[in-house]
Amino acid sequence: MKRSEPVSIAEVLRQAIEESDLSDRLAETRAAAAWPSVVGPSIAALTGKPLVDRGVMTVVCRSASLRQELSMQRSLLVRMLNCAARAEAISELRFRGGGDS
């Protein structure tokens, strides 16, 4: 058996992610994980954990006024989340009621 050149673990993981078509899902996960740093800890505490499905992030808001404020900042939040994810992971941001209200 012929021995090949050593390959870094990072390169092996990158190739595996690309071959298994998981790069979009990984970017969505990075965007969801960035939610608290994008909106700040106080707002993150008033929202649920974001869920992302096929580029659509849904966030539960505990109050109607917060939902309205976040809705007005939707395009900025999408840009900031995509920047944090280092990819165009989020195409739409939706807010819905729920929680303790």
N, C-alpha and C. Protein backbone atom coordinates (compact mmCIF):
# COMPACT_ATOMS: atom_id res chain seq x y z
N MET A 1 0.85 -1.18 0.00
CA MET A 1 0.00 0.00 0.00
C MET A 1 0.89 1.24 0.00
N LYS A 2 0.59 2.13 -0.89
CA LYS A 2 1.37 3.35 -1.01
C LYS A 2 0.96 4.35 0.06
N ARG A 3 1.94 4.94 0.67
CA ARG A 3 1.68 5.92 1.72
C ARG A 3 1.51 7.30 1.11
N SER A 4 0.48 8.03 1.53
CA SER A 4 0.24 9.37 0.99
C SER A 4 0.75 10.42 1.96
N GLU A 5 0.75 11.64 1.50
CA GLU A 5 1.21 12.77 2.32
C GLU A 5 0.25 12.99 3.49
N PRO A 6 0.77 13.45 4.61
CA PRO A 6 -0.11 13.73 5.75
C PRO A 6 -1.07 14.88 5.43
N VAL A 7 -2.28 14.77 5.97
CA VAL A 7 -3.31 15.78 5.77
C VAL A 7 -3.79 16.24 7.14
N SER A 8 -3.98 17.54 7.29
CA SER A 8 -4.41 18.05 8.60
C SER A 8 -5.85 17.63 8.90
N ILE A 9 -6.15 17.53 10.17
CA ILE A 9 -7.50 17.19 10.60
C ILE A 9 -8.50 18.22 10.07
N ALA A 10 -8.13 19.49 10.08
CA ALA A 10 -9.01 20.55 9.59
C ALA A 10 -9.37 20.31 8.13
N GLU A 11 -8.39 19.91 7.34
CA GLU A 11 -8.65 19.65 5.92
C GLU A 11 -9.55 18.44 5.73
N VAL A 12 -9.33 17.40 6.52
CA VAL A 12 -10.18 16.21 6.45
C VAL A 12 -11.62 16.56 6.80
N LEU A 13 -11.81 17.34 7.86
CA LEU A 13 -13.16 17.76 8.26
C LEU A 13 -13.82 18.62 7.20
N ARG A 14 -13.07 19.57 6.63
CA ARG A 14 -13.61 20.42 5.58
C ARG A 14 -14.08 19.60 4.39
N GLN A 15 -13.26 18.64 3.98
CA GLN A 15 -13.64 17.77 2.86
C GLN A 15 -14.87 16.94 3.19
N ALA A 16 -14.93 16.42 4.41
CA ALA A 16 -16.07 15.59 4.81
C ALA A 16 -17.36 16.42 4.83
N ILE A 17 -17.28 17.65 5.32
CA ILE A 17 -18.46 18.53 5.36
C ILE A 17 -18.91 18.86 3.94
N GLU A 18 -17.98 19.17 3.06
CA GLU A 18 -18.34 19.47 1.67
C GLU A 18 -18.94 18.26 0.97
N GLU A 19 -18.35 17.10 1.15
CA GLU A 19 -18.82 15.90 0.48
C GLU A 19 -20.18 15.45 0.99
N SER A 20 -20.47 15.70 2.25
CA SER A 20 -21.76 15.29 2.81
C SER A 20 -22.81 16.39 2.70
N ASP A 21 -22.44 17.50 2.06
CA ASP A 21 -23.37 18.61 1.81
C ASP A 21 -23.93 19.21 3.10
N LEU A 22 -23.08 19.31 4.11
CA LEU A 22 -23.49 19.86 5.41
C LEU A 22 -23.07 21.31 5.61
N SER A 23 -22.43 21.92 4.64
CA SER A 23 -21.91 23.27 4.84
C SER A 23 -23.02 24.29 5.09
N ASP A 24 -24.17 24.15 4.39
CA ASP A 24 -25.29 25.08 4.63
C ASP A 24 -25.83 24.92 6.04
N ARG A 25 -25.99 23.68 6.48
CA ARG A 25 -26.53 23.42 7.82
C ARG A 25 -25.57 23.93 8.89
N LEU A 26 -24.28 23.77 8.65
CA LEU A 26 -23.28 24.26 9.60
C LEU A 26 -23.33 25.79 9.71
N ALA A 27 -23.50 26.47 8.59
CA ALA A 27 -23.61 27.93 8.60
C ALA A 27 -24.87 28.36 9.34
N GLU A 28 -25.99 27.65 9.15
CA GLU A 28 -27.22 27.96 9.88
C GLU A 28 -27.02 27.80 11.39
N THR A 29 -26.30 26.76 11.77
CA THR A 29 -26.02 26.52 13.19
C THR A 29 -25.15 27.63 13.77
N ARG A 30 -24.17 28.09 13.00
CA ARG A 30 -23.33 29.21 13.46
C ARG A 30 -24.17 30.47 13.63
N ALA A 31 -25.10 30.72 12.71
CA ALA A 31 -25.95 31.91 12.81
C ALA A 31 -26.84 31.83 14.05
N ALA A 32 -27.44 30.68 14.30
CA ALA A 32 -28.28 30.52 15.49
C ALA A 32 -27.47 30.69 16.77
N ALA A 33 -26.27 30.18 16.78
CA ALA A 33 -25.41 30.31 17.97
C ALA A 33 -24.98 31.76 18.18
N ALA A 34 -24.97 32.55 17.11
CA ALA A 34 -24.55 33.95 17.22
C ALA A 34 -25.67 34.86 17.71
N TRP A 35 -26.91 34.39 17.77
CA TRP A 35 -28.04 35.22 18.16
C TRP A 35 -27.78 36.03 19.44
N PRO A 36 -27.33 35.41 20.55
CA PRO A 36 -27.10 36.19 21.77
C PRO A 36 -26.05 37.29 21.61
N SER A 37 -25.01 37.03 20.84
CA SER A 37 -23.98 38.06 20.67
C SER A 37 -24.45 39.16 19.72
N VAL A 38 -25.33 38.84 18.78
CA VAL A 38 -25.83 39.85 17.85
C VAL A 38 -26.83 40.77 18.54
N VAL A 39 -27.77 40.23 19.32
CA VAL A 39 -28.81 41.06 19.95
C VAL A 39 -28.44 41.50 21.36
N GLY A 40 -27.44 40.89 21.96
CA GLY A 40 -27.04 41.22 23.32
C GLY A 40 -27.72 40.31 24.33
N PRO A 41 -27.12 40.19 25.50
CA PRO A 41 -27.63 39.24 26.50
C PRO A 41 -29.01 39.58 27.05
N SER A 42 -29.34 40.86 27.17
CA SER A 42 -30.64 41.21 27.75
C SER A 42 -31.78 40.85 26.80
N ILE A 43 -31.60 41.11 25.51
CA ILE A 43 -32.65 40.74 24.54
C ILE A 43 -32.67 39.23 24.35
N ALA A 44 -31.50 38.61 24.31
CA ALA A 44 -31.44 37.15 24.16
C ALA A 44 -32.18 36.45 25.30
N ALA A 45 -32.13 37.05 26.49
CA ALA A 45 -32.82 36.46 27.65
C ALA A 45 -34.34 36.55 27.50
N LEU A 46 -34.82 37.47 26.67
CA LEU A 46 -36.26 37.65 26.47
C LEU A 46 -36.78 36.92 25.23
N THR A 47 -35.89 36.19 24.57
CA THR A 47 -36.29 35.43 23.39
C THR A 47 -35.94 33.97 23.59
N GLY A 48 -36.58 33.13 22.81
CA GLY A 48 -36.26 31.71 22.85
C GLY A 48 -35.05 31.42 21.99
N LYS A 49 -34.59 30.20 22.06
CA LYS A 49 -33.48 29.76 21.22
C LYS A 49 -33.94 29.77 19.77
N PRO A 50 -33.19 30.42 18.89
CA PRO A 50 -33.61 30.49 17.49
C PRO A 50 -33.56 29.13 16.81
N LEU A 51 -34.52 28.89 15.96
CA LEU A 51 -34.56 27.68 15.15
C LEU A 51 -34.38 28.08 13.70
N VAL A 52 -33.55 27.33 12.97
CA VAL A 52 -33.30 27.65 11.57
C VAL A 52 -33.64 26.44 10.72
N ASP A 53 -34.42 26.68 9.69
CA ASP A 53 -34.77 25.62 8.74
C ASP A 53 -34.72 26.20 7.33
N ARG A 54 -33.81 25.68 6.53
CA ARG A 54 -33.64 26.10 5.13
C ARG A 54 -33.51 27.61 4.98
N GLY A 55 -32.69 28.21 5.84
CA GLY A 55 -32.41 29.64 5.73
C GLY A 55 -33.40 30.55 6.43
N VAL A 56 -34.45 29.99 7.02
CA VAL A 56 -35.44 30.80 7.72
C VAL A 56 -35.23 30.63 9.22
N MET A 57 -34.86 31.72 9.88
CA MET A 57 -34.68 31.68 11.34
C MET A 57 -35.95 32.16 12.00
N THR A 58 -36.45 31.38 12.95
CA THR A 58 -37.63 31.74 13.72
C THR A 58 -37.23 31.93 15.18
N VAL A 59 -37.64 33.06 15.74
CA VAL A 59 -37.31 33.39 17.12
C VAL A 59 -38.61 33.67 17.86
N VAL A 60 -38.78 33.04 19.01
CA VAL A 60 -39.95 33.29 19.85
C VAL A 60 -39.64 34.47 20.76
N CYS A 61 -40.56 35.44 20.79
CA CYS A 61 -40.42 36.63 21.63
C CYS A 61 -41.46 36.59 22.73
N ARG A 62 -41.06 36.97 23.91
CA ARG A 62 -41.97 36.92 25.06
C ARG A 62 -42.92 38.10 25.14
N SER A 63 -42.65 39.15 24.38
CA SER A 63 -43.55 40.30 24.42
C SER A 63 -43.80 40.84 23.02
N ALA A 64 -45.00 41.36 22.83
CA ALA A 64 -45.37 41.92 21.53
C ALA A 64 -44.52 43.13 21.18
N SER A 65 -44.19 43.95 22.18
CA SER A 65 -43.39 45.14 21.90
C SER A 65 -41.97 44.77 21.46
N LEU A 66 -41.40 43.77 22.07
CA LEU A 66 -40.08 43.30 21.66
C LEU A 66 -40.14 42.72 20.25
N ARG A 67 -41.17 41.96 19.98
CA ARG A 67 -41.36 41.38 18.65
C ARG A 67 -41.43 42.49 17.59
N GLN A 68 -42.15 43.56 17.89
CA GLN A 68 -42.27 44.69 16.98
C GLN A 68 -40.92 45.38 16.76
N GLU A 69 -40.19 45.62 17.84
CA GLU A 69 -38.87 46.27 17.75
C GLU A 69 -37.91 45.43 16.91
N LEU A 70 -37.88 44.13 17.16
CA LEU A 70 -36.98 43.27 16.40
C LEU A 70 -37.41 43.20 14.94
N SER A 71 -38.70 43.20 14.68
CA SER A 71 -39.20 43.17 13.30
C SER A 71 -38.73 44.39 12.52
N MET A 72 -38.68 45.53 13.18
CA MET A 72 -38.24 46.75 12.50
C MET A 72 -36.74 46.71 12.17
N GLN A 73 -36.00 45.89 12.89
CA GLN A 73 -34.55 45.76 12.67
C GLN A 73 -34.20 44.49 11.89
N ARG A 74 -35.20 43.86 11.30
CA ARG A 74 -35.03 42.55 10.66
C ARG A 74 -33.87 42.51 9.65
N SER A 75 -33.82 43.45 8.72
CA SER A 75 -32.78 43.39 7.68
C SER A 75 -31.38 43.56 8.28
N LEU A 76 -31.24 44.44 9.26
CA LEU A 76 -29.95 44.61 9.93
C LEU A 76 -29.55 43.33 10.67
N LEU A 77 -30.50 42.73 11.36
CA LEU A 77 -30.22 41.49 12.10
C LEU A 77 -29.79 40.37 11.15
N VAL A 78 -30.45 40.26 10.00
CA VAL A 78 -30.08 39.22 9.03
C VAL A 78 -28.63 39.44 8.56
N ARG A 79 -28.29 40.69 8.25
CA ARG A 79 -26.91 40.98 7.83
C ARG A 79 -25.90 40.63 8.92
N MET A 80 -26.22 41.00 10.16
CA MET A 80 -25.30 40.72 11.27
C MET A 80 -25.17 39.22 11.53
N LEU A 81 -26.27 38.49 11.44
CA LEU A 81 -26.22 37.04 11.65
C LEU A 81 -25.42 36.36 10.55
N ASN A 82 -25.62 36.79 9.31
CA ASN A 82 -24.85 36.21 8.20
C ASN A 82 -23.37 36.54 8.32
N CYS A 83 -23.07 37.72 8.79
CA CYS A 83 -21.68 38.10 9.01
C CYS A 83 -21.06 37.20 10.08
N ALA A 84 -21.79 36.97 11.16
CA ALA A 84 -21.31 36.10 12.23
C ALA A 84 -21.14 34.66 11.76
N ALA A 85 -22.02 34.22 10.86
CA ALA A 85 -21.95 32.85 10.34
C ALA A 85 -20.92 32.71 9.23
N ARG A 86 -20.39 33.83 8.76
CA ARG A 86 -19.42 33.84 7.66
C ARG A 86 -20.00 33.18 6.41
N ALA A 87 -21.30 33.37 6.20
CA ALA A 87 -21.99 32.80 5.03
C ALA A 87 -23.37 33.42 4.93
N GLU A 88 -23.99 33.28 3.78
CA GLU A 88 -25.37 33.74 3.60
C GLU A 88 -26.31 32.63 4.10
N ALA A 89 -26.29 32.41 5.40
CA ALA A 89 -27.04 31.32 6.01
C ALA A 89 -28.50 31.66 6.22
N ILE A 90 -28.79 32.92 6.52
CA ILE A 90 -30.15 33.34 6.86
C ILE A 90 -30.70 34.20 5.73
N SER A 91 -31.82 33.77 5.17
CA SER A 91 -32.46 34.56 4.11
C SER A 91 -33.70 35.28 4.64
N GLU A 92 -34.26 34.75 5.72
CA GLU A 92 -35.48 35.34 6.29
C GLU A 92 -35.45 35.18 7.80
N LEU A 93 -35.97 36.19 8.49
CA LEU A 93 -36.03 36.18 9.95
C LEU A 93 -37.48 36.40 10.36
N ARG A 94 -38.01 35.47 11.13
CA ARG A 94 -39.41 35.55 11.57
C ARG A 94 -39.46 35.59 13.09
N PHE A 95 -40.41 36.36 13.59
CA PHE A 95 -40.63 36.45 15.03
C PHE A 95 -42.03 36.00 15.32
N ARG A 96 -42.19 35.23 16.38
CA ARG A 96 -43.53 34.82 16.77
C ARG A 96 -43.67 34.95 18.27
N GLY A 97 -44.92 35.06 18.68
CA GLY A 97 -45.22 35.23 20.10
C GLY A 97 -45.10 33.91 20.83
N GLY A 98 -45.03 34.02 22.12
CA GLY A 98 -44.94 32.83 22.95
C GLY A 98 -44.24 33.17 24.23
N GLY A 99 -43.85 32.19 24.95
CA GLY A 99 -43.12 32.42 26.18
C GLY A 99 -44.04 32.78 27.33
N ASP A 100 -43.58 33.71 28.16
CA ASP A 100 -44.27 34.03 29.41
C ASP A 100 -45.31 35.13 29.31
N SER A 101 -45.62 35.63 28.11
CA SER A 101 -46.55 36.76 28.03
C SER A 101 -47.99 36.35 28.18
